[in-house]
C-alpha atoms as a PDB file:
ATOM      1  CA  UNK A   1     216.466  41.292-203.192  1.00  0.00           C
ATOM      2  CA  UNK A   2     215.204  38.045-203.267  1.00  0.00           C
ATOM      3  CA  UNK A   3     211.992  37.280-204.041  1.00  0.00           C
ATOM      4  CA  UNK A   4     208.832  36.624-203.217  1.00  0.00           C
ATOM      5  CA  UNK A   5     207.234  33.129-202.159  1.00  0.00           C
ATOM      6  CA  UNK A   6     204.361  32.777-204.801  1.00  0.00           C
ATOM      7  CA  UNK A   7     202.171  30.624-203.341  1.00  0.00           C
ATOM      8  CA  UNK A   8     199.186  28.969-206.058  1.00  0.00           C
ATOM      9  CA  UNK A   9     195.158  27.646-205.657  1.00  0.00           C
ATOM     10  CA  UNK A  10     194.351  25.038-207.780  1.00  0.00           C
ATOM     11  CA  UNK A  11     190.997  24.272-209.092  1.00  0.00           C
ATOM     12  CA  UNK A  12     189.653  22.137-206.148  1.00  0.00           C
ATOM     13  CA  UNK A  13     190.446  25.116-203.997  1.00  0.00           C
ATOM     14  CA  UNK A  14     193.189  22.976-202.279  1.00  0.00           C
ATOM     15  CA  UNK A  15     196.276  25.885-201.559  1.00  0.00           C
ATOM     16  CA  UNK A  16     199.931  24.771-202.807  1.00  0.00           C
ATOM     17  CA  UNK A  17     202.542  27.033-201.670  1.00  0.00           C
ATOM     18  CA  UNK A  18     206.451  26.369-203.158  1.00  0.00           C
ATOM     19  CA  UNK A  19     207.677  26.089-199.930  1.00  0.00           C
ATOM     20  CA  UNK A  20     207.630  24.117-196.555  1.00  0.00           C
ATOM     21  CA  UNK A  21     205.004  25.877-193.887  1.00  0.00           C
ATOM     22  CA  UNK A  22     205.931  24.952-189.965  1.00  0.00           C
ATOM     23  CA  UNK A  23     203.711  25.634-188.127  1.00  0.00           C
ATOM     24  CA  UNK A  24     205.936  27.644-184.637  1.00  0.00           C
ATOM     25  CA  UNK A  25     204.453  30.403-182.447  1.00  0.00           C
ATOM     26  CA  UNK A  26     207.505  31.903-181.757  1.00  0.00           C
ATOM     27  CA  UNK A  27     208.033  35.336-179.665  1.00  0.00           C
ATOM     28  CA  UNK A  28     209.116  38.082-182.236  1.00  0.00           C
ATOM     29  CA  UNK A  29     208.155  42.151-183.147  1.00  0.00           C
ATOM     30  CA  UNK A  30     208.121  43.928-185.537  1.00  0.00           C
ATOM     31  CA  UNK A  31     209.030  47.782-186.769  1.00  0.00           C
ATOM     32  CA  UNK A  32     206.735  49.306-189.745  1.00  0.00           C
ATOM     33  CA  UNK A  33     207.682  51.813-192.075  1.00  0.00           C
ATOM     34  CA  UNK A  34     206.552  54.433-190.294  1.00  0.00           C
ATOM     35  CA  UNK A  35     208.521  53.845-187.477  1.00  0.00           C
ATOM     36  CA  UNK A  36     206.194  51.812-184.892  1.00  0.00           C
ATOM     37  CA  UNK A  37     207.398  48.254-182.781  1.00  0.00           C
ATOM     38  CA  UNK A  38     204.723  46.110-182.881  1.00  0.00           C
ATOM     39  CA  UNK A  39     204.702  43.206-180.687  1.00  0.00           C
ATOM     40  CA  UNK A  40     203.239  39.571-181.953  1.00  0.00           C
ATOM     41  CA  UNK A  41     203.847  36.459-182.499  1.00  0.00           C
ATOM     42  CA  UNK A  42     204.732  33.267-185.301  1.00  0.00           C
ATOM     43  CA  UNK A  43     201.532  31.246-186.259  1.00  0.00           C
ATOM     44  CA  UNK A  44     203.900  30.031-189.055  1.00  0.00           C
ATOM     45  CA  UNK A  45     207.074  30.173-190.489  1.00  0.00           C
ATOM     46  CA  UNK A  46     208.369  29.202-194.133  1.00  0.00           C
ATOM     47  CA  UNK A  47     211.765  29.750-196.685  1.00  0.00           C
ATOM     48  CA  UNK A  48     208.922  32.047-198.258  1.00  0.00           C
ATOM     49  CA  UNK A  49     207.459  34.092-195.203  1.00  0.00           C
ATOM     50  CA  UNK A  50     206.430  34.115-192.121  1.00  0.00           C
ATOM     51  CA  UNK A  51     202.003  34.695-190.963  1.00  0.00           C
ATOM     52  CA  UNK A  52     201.640  36.585-187.992  1.00  0.00           C
ATOM     53  CA  UNK A  53     199.858  36.708-185.237  1.00  0.00           C
ATOM     54  CA  UNK A  54     198.958  39.947-184.421  1.00  0.00           C
ATOM     55  CA  UNK A  55     195.560  42.734-182.983  1.00  0.00           C
ATOM     56  CA  UNK A  56     197.693  45.922-184.928  1.00  0.00           C
ATOM     57  CA  UNK A  57     198.223  44.389-188.722  1.00  0.00           C
ATOM     58  CA  UNK A  58     200.170  46.973-191.234  1.00  0.00           C
ATOM     59  CA  UNK A  59     199.326  48.112-194.716  1.00  0.00           C
ATOM     60  CA  UNK A  60     198.770  45.283-197.594  1.00  0.00           C
ATOM     61  CA  UNK A  61     202.126  45.558-199.582  1.00  0.00           C
ATOM     62  CA  UNK A  62     204.081  48.032-196.547  1.00  0.00           C
ATOM     63  CA  UNK A  63     207.576  46.348-195.390  1.00  0.00           C
ATOM     64  CA  UNK A  64     208.386  45.908-192.129  1.00  0.00           C
ATOM     65  CA  UNK A  65     211.648  44.571-190.427  1.00  0.00           C
ATOM     66  CA  UNK A  66     210.423  41.677-187.975  1.00  0.00           C
ATOM     67  CA  UNK A  67     213.321  40.633-185.451  1.00  0.00           C
ATOM     68  CA  UNK A  68     211.977  36.978-184.797  1.00  0.00           C
ATOM     69  CA  UNK A  69     213.478  34.805-181.758  1.00  0.00           C
ATOM     70  CA  UNK A  70     215.881  32.160-183.270  1.00  0.00           C
ATOM     71  CA  UNK A  71     215.531  33.704-186.439  1.00  0.00           C
ATOM     72  CA  UNK A  72     216.246  37.318-186.212  1.00  0.00           C
ATOM     73  CA  UNK A  73     216.142  39.495-188.342  1.00  0.00           C
ATOM     74  CA  UNK A  74     213.437  39.165-191.511  1.00  0.00           C
ATOM     75  CA  UNK A  75     212.565  41.957-194.345  1.00  0.00           C
ATOM     76  CA  UNK A  76     209.819  41.442-195.617  1.00  0.00           C
ATOM     77  CA  UNK A  77     206.074  43.342-197.606  1.00  0.00           C
ATOM     78  CA  UNK A  78     202.809  42.205-196.252  1.00  0.00           C
ATOM     79  CA  UNK A  79     200.710  40.151-199.495  1.00  0.00           C
ATOM     80  CA  UNK A  80     197.752  38.904-196.763  1.00  0.00           C
ATOM     81  CA  UNK A  81     195.809  40.021-193.721  1.00  0.00           C
ATOM     82  CA  UNK A  82     194.347  37.381-192.024  1.00  0.00           C
ATOM     83  CA  UNK A  83     191.682  37.327-188.916  1.00  0.00           C
ATOM     84  CA  UNK A  84     194.438  36.809-186.901  1.00  0.00           C
ATOM     85  CA  UNK A  85     197.024  38.532-187.813  1.00  0.00           C
ATOM     86  CA  UNK A  86     199.220  38.805-191.329  1.00  0.00           C
ATOM     87  CA  UNK A  87     201.501  37.293-193.896  1.00  0.00           C
ATOM     88  CA  UNK A  88     204.528  38.973-195.215  1.00  0.00           C
ATOM     89  CA  UNK A  89     206.933  37.705-198.518  1.00  0.00           C
ATOM     90  CA  UNK A  90     210.423  37.550-197.105  1.00  0.00           C
ATOM     91  CA  UNK A  91     212.777  40.502-199.176  1.00  0.00           C
ATOM     92  CA  UNK A  92     216.305  38.719-199.009  1.00  0.00           C
ATOM     93  CA  UNK A  93     219.075  37.337-199.911  1.00  0.00           C
ATOM     94  CA  UNK A  94     219.336  34.170-201.709  1.00  0.00           C
ATOM     95  CA  UNK A  95     221.618  33.106-198.989  1.00  0.00           C
ATOM     96  CA  UNK A  96     219.423  34.286-195.776  1.00  0.00           C
ATOM     97  CA  UNK A  97     216.657  32.565-196.877  1.00  0.00           C
ATOM     98  CA  UNK A  98     219.027  29.247-196.887  1.00  0.00           C
ATOM     99  CA  UNK A  99     219.892  29.816-193.489  1.00  0.00           C
ATOM    100  CA  UNK A 100     215.837  30.032-193.031  1.00  0.00           C
ATOM    101  CA  UNK A 101     215.014  27.615-194.949  1.00  0.00           C
ATOM    102  CA  UNK A 102     217.297  25.705-192.240  1.00  0.00           C
ATOM    103  CA  UNK A 103     215.604  26.811-189.548  1.00  0.00           C
ATOM    104  CA  UNK A 104     212.833  25.867-190.392  1.00  0.00           C
ATOM    105  CA  UNK A 105     213.801  22.336-190.979  1.00  0.00           C
ATOM    106  CA  UNK A 106     215.030  22.187-187.145  1.00  0.00           C
ATOM    107  CA  UNK A 107     211.311  23.424-185.839  1.00  0.00           C
ATOM    108  CA  UNK A 108     209.365  20.810-188.737  1.00  0.00           C
ATOM    109  CA  UNK A 109     211.644  17.689-186.988  1.00  0.00           C
ATOM    110  CA  UNK A 110     213.382  17.316-190.642  1.00  0.00           C
ATOM    111  CA  UNK A 111     216.924  17.526-188.081  1.00  0.00           C
ATOM    112  CA  UNK A 112     216.955  15.151-184.991  1.00  0.00           C
ATOM    113  CA  UNK A 113     219.091  17.642-183.302  1.00  0.00           C
ATOM    114  CA  UNK A 114     217.288  20.257-181.216  1.00  0.00           C
ATOM    115  CA  UNK A 115     218.266  23.204-181.437  1.00  0.00           C
ATOM    116  CA  UNK A 116     219.130  23.919-177.806  1.00  0.00           C
ATOM    117  CA  UNK A 117     219.982  21.009-175.650  1.00  0.00           C
ATOM    118  CA  UNK A 118     217.284  20.091-172.554  1.00  0.00           C
ATOM    119  CA  UNK A 119     218.152  19.434-169.183  1.00  0.00           C
ATOM    120  CA  UNK A 120     215.321  17.265-168.124  1.00  0.00           C
ATOM    121  CA  UNK A 121     214.243  18.343-164.640  1.00  0.00           C
ATOM    122  CA  UNK A 122     210.731  15.523-164.424  1.00  0.00           C
ATOM    123  CA  UNK A 123     209.348  16.772-161.169  1.00  0.00           C
ATOM    124  CA  UNK A 124     211.290  19.811-160.741  1.00  0.00           C
ATOM    125  CA  UNK A 125     208.632  23.133-158.828  1.00  0.00           C
ATOM    126  CA  UNK A 126     209.043  26.186-159.690  1.00  0.00           C
ATOM    127  CA  UNK A 127     206.986  29.389-159.319  1.00  0.00           C
ATOM    128  CA  UNK A 128     205.915  32.180-162.290  1.00  0.00           C
ATOM    129  CA  UNK A 129     204.357  35.200-162.429  1.00  0.00           C
ATOM    130  CA  UNK A 130     201.222  36.124-164.997  1.00  0.00           C
ATOM    131  CA  UNK A 131     200.573  38.511-166.097  1.00  0.00           C
ATOM    132  CA  UNK A 132     197.882  39.597-163.291  1.00  0.00           C
ATOM    133  CA  UNK A 133     200.209  38.856-159.981  1.00  0.00           C
ATOM    134  CA  UNK A 134     198.634  35.830-160.290  1.00  0.00           C
ATOM    135  CA  UNK A 135     201.190  32.866-158.791  1.00  0.00           C
ATOM    136  CA  UNK A 136     200.972  29.476-160.005  1.00  0.00           C
ATOM    137  CA  UNK A 137     203.053  26.569-158.775  1.00  0.00           C
ATOM    138  CA  UNK A 138     204.116  23.877-162.007  1.00  0.00           C
ATOM    139  CA  UNK A 139     205.801  20.724-162.679  1.00  0.00           C
ATOM    140  CA  UNK A 140     209.047  21.204-164.604  1.00  0.00           C
ATOM    141  CA  UNK A 141     209.844  19.050-167.720  1.00  0.00           C
ATOM    142  CA  UNK A 142     212.222  19.757-169.154  1.00  0.00           C
ATOM    143  CA  UNK A 143     213.913  23.431-168.950  1.00  0.00           C
ATOM    144  CA  UNK A 144     217.522  24.789-171.909  1.00  0.00           C
ATOM    145  CA  UNK A 145     218.722  27.946-172.271  1.00  0.00           C
ATOM    146  CA  UNK A 146     215.588  29.441-174.389  1.00  0.00           C
ATOM    147  CA  UNK A 147     212.809  28.077-172.565  1.00  0.00           C
ATOM    148  CA  UNK A 148     211.702  25.388-169.985  1.00  0.00           C
ATOM    149  CA  UNK A 149     208.301  22.523-170.570  1.00  0.00           C
ATOM    150  CA  UNK A 150     206.167  22.046-167.498  1.00  0.00           C
ATOM    151  CA  UNK A 151     203.153  20.304-166.772  1.00  0.00           C
ATOM    152  CA  UNK A 152     200.206  21.577-164.484  1.00  0.00           C
ATOM    153  CA  UNK A 153     196.439  21.718-164.196  1.00  0.00           C
ATOM    154  CA  UNK A 154     195.675  25.389-165.247  1.00  0.00           C
ATOM    155  CA  UNK A 155     195.094  26.387-168.959  1.00  0.00           C
ATOM    156  CA  UNK A 156     197.466  28.780-170.837  1.00  0.00           C
ATOM    157  CA  UNK A 157     196.716  30.482-174.037  1.00  0.00           C
ATOM    158  CA  UNK A 158     199.667  30.689-176.704  1.00  0.00           C
ATOM    159  CA  UNK A 159     201.231  34.344-176.424  1.00  0.00           C
ATOM    160  CA  UNK A 160     200.079  34.265-172.205  1.00  0.00           C
ATOM    161  CA  UNK A 161     203.519  35.878-170.964  1.00  0.00           C
ATOM    162  CA  UNK A 162     204.474  35.128-167.465  1.00  0.00           C
ATOM    163  CA  UNK A 163     207.686  35.231-165.265  1.00  0.00           C
ATOM    164  CA  UNK A 164     209.868  32.776-164.474  1.00  0.00           C
ATOM    165  CA  UNK A 165     212.048  33.489-161.943  1.00  0.00           C
ATOM    166  CA  UNK A 166     213.473  37.275-162.319  1.00  0.00           C
ATOM    167  CA  UNK A 167     213.675  35.925-166.781  1.00  0.00           C
ATOM    168  CA  UNK A 168     210.092  37.265-168.470  1.00  0.00           C
ATOM    169  CA  UNK A 169     208.827  34.463-170.815  1.00  0.00           C
ATOM    170  CA  UNK A 170     205.621  33.360-173.156  1.00  0.00           C
ATOM    171  CA  UNK A 171     203.867  30.458-174.194  1.00  0.00           C
ATOM    172  CA  UNK A 172     204.514  29.061-177.567  1.00  0.00           C
ATOM    173  CA  UNK A 173     203.513  25.372-177.186  1.00  0.00           C
ATOM    174  CA  UNK A 174     200.369  24.037-175.390  1.00  0.00           C
ATOM    175  CA  UNK A 175     200.315  20.108-175.247  1.00  0.00           C
ATOM    176  CA  UNK A 176     197.875  17.743-172.684  1.00  0.00           C
ATOM    177  CA  UNK A 177     198.185  19.182-169.283  1.00  0.00           C
ATOM    178  CA  UNK A 178     200.860  21.031-170.071  1.00  0.00           C
ATOM    179  CA  UNK A 179     202.776  24.314-171.970  1.00  0.00           C
ATOM    180  CA  UNK A 180     206.375  25.260-173.214  1.00  0.00           C
ATOM    181  CA  UNK A 181     207.201  28.350-173.087  1.00  0.00           C
ATOM    182  CA  UNK A 182     210.709  30.654-174.160  1.00  0.00           C
ATOM    183  CA  UNK A 183     212.157  33.063-173.026  1.00  0.00           C
ATOM    184  CA  UNK A 184     212.127  36.990-173.356  1.00  0.00           C
END
């Protein structure tokens, strides 16, 4: 197993991390040591760990297994509780840590290639069914095999769930005048 990501804080209070963190909300679920499965979203990801948003964080020091969209299966130990969730440090092999680091580089834009090819459908409309069964019509910007971006007047929040056609989706990114969803 690999080492935990070490974090230090300077005397000025500025946090200095060993691993670069990228804010990327990805749908995920984790399994606690007692076998409970909890759905969540990542808040940020690094080669050393992940910050999760959830209302049900595991105990400090608890080992978890998480399944994160676009990252796959990761193991870690809970190292910090936060107001909106918790953070883990990976318990992993050097090879898995390297793979995570490569994906983090893709998320951060350090690589110019996208993980999934997008098809621009600027102006096409589609209906969304929200969790409360309301339907909204939105303008598609682009779509990939993993999600789509759309323009809308309504405001969404990261983590909002909806149905697009027969596909479940979750809001993972917000921008001025729209949102992007990831298919589940």
